């Protein structure tokens, strides 16, 4: 799965948060193609320096997704070389 990366660093701090919210709302409006999949999408938003947001959208019909989203999610990574 390709993980899209959106660089929001060029925006001023206040604009950055507004743009992040706008892009996340926009992503939630994109329908899933259940016949073709996948039933989830993820995007990394680069806010500043080492500050990133991992946004994940899941379709509710998948059993694995339902189990996954009902558990706490803890992510710790050092991925400077990946971005």
N, C-alpha and C. Protein backbone atom coordinates (compact mmCIF):
# COMPACT_ATOMS: atom_id res chain seq x y z
N UNK A 1 0.84 -1.18 0.00
CA UNK A 1 0.00 0.00 0.00
C UNK A 1 0.89 1.24 0.00
N UNK A 2 0.62 2.13 -0.90
CA UNK A 2 1.34 3.40 -0.95
C UNK A 2 0.78 4.33 0.11
N UNK A 3 1.66 5.01 0.82
CA UNK A 3 1.24 5.92 1.88
C UNK A 3 1.50 7.35 1.41
N UNK A 4 0.45 8.06 1.00
CA UNK A 4 0.64 9.43 0.53
C UNK A 4 1.16 10.34 1.64
N UNK A 5 1.95 11.31 1.25
CA UNK A 5 2.55 12.27 2.17
C UNK A 5 2.18 13.67 1.70
N UNK A 6 1.59 14.46 2.59
CA UNK A 6 1.20 15.83 2.27
C UNK A 6 2.00 16.77 3.16
N UNK A 7 2.75 17.66 2.55
CA UNK A 7 3.60 18.59 3.28
C UNK A 7 2.83 19.88 3.54
N UNK A 8 2.50 20.12 4.81
CA UNK A 8 1.78 21.33 5.19
C UNK A 8 2.71 22.40 5.79
N UNK A 9 3.99 22.16 5.77
CA UNK A 9 4.93 23.11 6.37
C UNK A 9 4.92 24.49 5.74
N UNK A 10 4.62 24.62 4.45
CA UNK A 10 4.61 25.98 3.87
C UNK A 10 3.53 26.89 4.45
N UNK A 11 2.50 26.30 5.08
CA UNK A 11 1.42 27.11 5.65
C UNK A 11 1.83 27.69 7.00
N UNK A 12 1.31 28.88 7.32
CA UNK A 12 1.48 29.43 8.66
C UNK A 12 0.78 28.50 9.64
N UNK A 13 1.19 28.53 10.92
CA UNK A 13 0.68 27.57 11.90
C UNK A 13 -0.85 27.51 11.94
N UNK A 14 -1.50 28.63 12.04
CA UNK A 14 -2.98 28.67 12.11
C UNK A 14 -3.58 28.13 10.81
N UNK A 15 -3.02 28.52 9.68
CA UNK A 15 -3.51 28.04 8.38
C UNK A 15 -3.25 26.53 8.24
N UNK A 16 -2.14 26.07 8.79
CA UNK A 16 -1.78 24.65 8.72
C UNK A 16 -2.85 23.78 9.37
N UNK A 17 -3.31 24.18 10.55
CA UNK A 17 -4.35 23.41 11.24
C UNK A 17 -5.66 23.43 10.46
N UNK A 18 -6.00 24.58 9.92
CA UNK A 18 -7.23 24.69 9.12
C UNK A 18 -7.13 23.82 7.86
N UNK A 19 -5.99 23.83 7.22
CA UNK A 19 -5.79 23.02 6.01
C UNK A 19 -5.81 21.54 6.35
N UNK A 20 -5.21 21.16 7.46
CA UNK A 20 -5.26 19.76 7.91
C UNK A 20 -6.70 19.31 8.10
N UNK A 21 -7.50 20.11 8.79
CA UNK A 21 -8.90 19.78 9.02
C UNK A 21 -9.66 19.68 7.69
N UNK A 22 -9.40 20.61 6.79
CA UNK A 22 -10.07 20.61 5.49
C UNK A 22 -9.74 19.35 4.70
N UNK A 23 -8.46 18.99 4.67
CA UNK A 23 -8.04 17.81 3.92
C UNK A 23 -8.57 16.52 4.52
N UNK A 24 -8.64 16.44 5.84
CA UNK A 24 -9.19 15.25 6.48
C UNK A 24 -10.68 15.12 6.19
N UNK A 25 -11.42 16.23 6.27
CA UNK A 25 -12.85 16.20 5.94
C UNK A 25 -13.06 15.79 4.48
N UNK A 26 -12.21 16.34 3.61
CA UNK A 26 -12.29 16.01 2.18
C UNK A 26 -12.05 14.52 1.96
N UNK A 27 -11.07 13.96 2.64
CA UNK A 27 -10.75 12.53 2.50
C UNK A 27 -11.91 11.66 2.96
N UNK A 28 -12.61 12.08 3.99
CA UNK A 28 -13.75 11.30 4.49
C UNK A 28 -14.92 11.28 3.52
N UNK A 29 -14.93 12.19 2.56
CA UNK A 29 -16.01 12.24 1.57
C UNK A 29 -15.76 11.31 0.38
N UNK A 30 -14.54 10.80 0.25
CA UNK A 30 -14.19 9.92 -0.87
C UNK A 30 -14.74 8.52 -0.59
N UNK A 31 -15.60 7.99 -1.47
CA UNK A 31 -16.18 6.67 -1.22
C UNK A 31 -15.15 5.56 -1.41
N UNK A 32 -15.37 4.45 -0.73
CA UNK A 32 -14.53 3.27 -0.89
C UNK A 32 -15.09 2.42 -2.03
N UNK A 33 -14.22 1.80 -2.79
CA UNK A 33 -14.62 0.85 -3.81
C UNK A 33 -14.54 -0.53 -3.19
N UNK A 34 -15.66 -1.03 -2.67
CA UNK A 34 -15.67 -2.29 -1.94
C UNK A 34 -15.39 -3.48 -2.84
N UNK A 35 -15.67 -3.39 -4.11
CA UNK A 35 -15.40 -4.48 -5.03
C UNK A 35 -13.91 -4.62 -5.31
N UNK A 36 -13.19 -3.51 -5.26
CA UNK A 36 -11.78 -3.51 -5.63
C UNK A 36 -10.86 -3.34 -4.42
N UNK A 37 -11.35 -2.67 -3.35
CA UNK A 37 -10.54 -2.46 -2.16
C UNK A 37 -9.44 -1.45 -2.42
N UNK A 38 -8.65 -1.16 -1.43
CA UNK A 38 -8.73 -1.62 -0.05
C UNK A 38 -9.88 -0.93 0.70
N UNK A 39 -10.17 -1.41 1.89
CA UNK A 39 -11.26 -0.85 2.69
C UNK A 39 -10.74 0.13 3.73
N UNK A 40 -9.51 0.58 3.54
CA UNK A 40 -8.96 1.64 4.40
C UNK A 40 -7.96 2.45 3.59
N UNK A 41 -7.77 3.68 4.02
CA UNK A 41 -6.78 4.58 3.41
C UNK A 41 -6.03 5.28 4.52
N UNK A 42 -4.82 5.67 4.23
CA UNK A 42 -4.02 6.40 5.20
C UNK A 42 -3.21 7.47 4.48
N UNK A 43 -2.99 8.57 5.18
CA UNK A 43 -2.18 9.68 4.66
C UNK A 43 -1.35 10.23 5.80
N UNK A 44 -0.10 10.56 5.52
CA UNK A 44 0.76 11.23 6.49
C UNK A 44 0.79 12.71 6.14
N UNK A 45 0.45 13.54 7.13
CA UNK A 45 0.53 14.99 6.98
C UNK A 45 1.74 15.48 7.76
N UNK A 46 2.64 16.16 7.08
CA UNK A 46 3.85 16.71 7.71
C UNK A 46 3.53 18.14 8.13
N UNK A 47 3.50 18.37 9.44
CA UNK A 47 3.13 19.69 9.96
C UNK A 47 4.32 20.60 10.19
N UNK A 48 5.34 20.08 10.88
CA UNK A 48 6.52 20.91 11.19
C UNK A 48 7.61 20.00 11.72
N UNK A 49 8.84 20.28 11.33
CA UNK A 49 9.97 19.52 11.87
C UNK A 49 9.70 18.03 11.90
N UNK A 50 9.59 17.48 13.11
CA UNK A 50 9.30 16.05 13.26
C UNK A 50 7.84 15.80 13.61
N UNK A 51 6.99 16.80 13.47
CA UNK A 51 5.57 16.66 13.80
C UNK A 51 4.77 16.21 12.58
N UNK A 52 4.17 15.04 12.72
CA UNK A 52 3.37 14.45 11.65
C UNK A 52 2.03 13.99 12.20
N UNK A 53 1.05 13.90 11.32
CA UNK A 53 -0.25 13.32 11.67
C UNK A 53 -0.48 12.16 10.71
N UNK A 54 -0.79 10.99 11.28
CA UNK A 54 -1.17 9.84 10.47
C UNK A 54 -2.70 9.79 10.48
N UNK A 55 -3.29 10.04 9.33
CA UNK A 55 -4.75 10.02 9.20
C UNK A 55 -5.15 8.71 8.55
N UNK A 56 -6.10 8.00 9.17
CA UNK A 56 -6.56 6.72 8.63
C UNK A 56 -8.08 6.76 8.51
N UNK A 57 -8.58 6.32 7.38
CA UNK A 57 -10.02 6.22 7.15
C UNK A 57 -10.33 4.75 6.84
N UNK A 58 -11.31 4.21 7.55
CA UNK A 58 -11.68 2.80 7.40
C UNK A 58 -13.15 2.69 6.99
N UNK A 59 -13.45 1.70 6.16
CA UNK A 59 -14.84 1.36 5.90
C UNK A 59 -15.29 0.42 7.00
N UNK A 60 -16.49 0.58 7.47
CA UNK A 60 -16.98 -0.17 8.63
C UNK A 60 -17.38 -1.60 8.33
N UNK A 61 -17.41 -2.02 7.07
CA UNK A 61 -17.92 -3.35 6.72
C UNK A 61 -16.91 -4.47 6.90
N UNK A 62 -15.65 -4.14 7.07
CA UNK A 62 -14.60 -5.15 7.14
C UNK A 62 -14.42 -5.64 8.58
N UNK A 63 -14.45 -6.96 8.80
CA UNK A 63 -14.32 -7.51 10.16
C UNK A 63 -12.98 -7.17 10.79
N UNK A 64 -11.89 -7.28 10.02
CA UNK A 64 -10.57 -6.97 10.56
C UNK A 64 -10.50 -5.50 10.98
N UNK A 65 -11.03 -4.62 10.14
CA UNK A 65 -11.02 -3.19 10.45
C UNK A 65 -11.79 -2.90 11.73
N UNK A 66 -12.94 -3.55 11.88
CA UNK A 66 -13.76 -3.34 13.08
C UNK A 66 -12.99 -3.76 14.33
N UNK A 67 -12.32 -4.89 14.27
CA UNK A 67 -11.52 -5.34 15.42
C UNK A 67 -10.36 -4.39 15.68
N UNK A 68 -9.72 -3.95 14.59
CA UNK A 68 -8.56 -3.07 14.71
C UNK A 68 -8.94 -1.73 15.32
N UNK A 69 -10.04 -1.16 14.88
CA UNK A 69 -10.42 0.17 15.34
C UNK A 69 -11.02 0.15 16.74
N UNK A 70 -11.37 -1.01 17.24
CA UNK A 70 -11.89 -1.11 18.60
C UNK A 70 -10.78 -1.29 19.63
N UNK A 71 -9.54 -1.29 19.21
CA UNK A 71 -8.39 -1.42 20.10
C UNK A 71 -7.63 -0.10 20.13
N UNK A 72 -7.00 0.20 21.25
CA UNK A 72 -6.16 1.41 21.28
C UNK A 72 -5.02 1.30 20.27
N UNK A 73 -4.70 2.40 19.66
CA UNK A 73 -3.64 2.43 18.66
C UNK A 73 -2.47 3.24 19.21
N UNK A 74 -1.34 2.59 19.30
CA UNK A 74 -0.13 3.28 19.75
C UNK A 74 0.91 3.15 18.64
N UNK A 75 1.43 4.26 18.21
CA UNK A 75 2.41 4.25 17.12
C UNK A 75 3.63 5.01 17.58
N UNK A 76 4.75 4.38 17.45
CA UNK A 76 6.01 5.04 17.72
C UNK A 76 6.96 4.66 16.59
N UNK A 77 7.43 5.68 15.89
CA UNK A 77 8.31 5.34 14.78
C UNK A 77 9.33 6.44 14.57
N UNK A 78 10.39 6.04 13.95
CA UNK A 78 11.42 6.99 13.52
C UNK A 78 11.57 6.75 12.04
N UNK A 79 10.92 7.57 11.24
CA UNK A 79 10.87 7.28 9.80
C UNK A 79 11.36 8.45 8.96
N UNK A 80 12.31 9.21 9.46
CA UNK A 80 12.81 10.34 8.70
C UNK A 80 13.33 9.93 7.34
N UNK A 81 13.90 8.72 7.24
CA UNK A 81 14.44 8.26 5.97
C UNK A 81 13.35 7.87 4.99
N UNK A 82 12.13 7.63 5.47
CA UNK A 82 11.05 7.20 4.61
C UNK A 82 10.33 8.37 3.96
N UNK A 83 10.40 9.55 4.55
CA UNK A 83 9.62 10.68 4.05
C UNK A 83 10.47 11.62 3.22
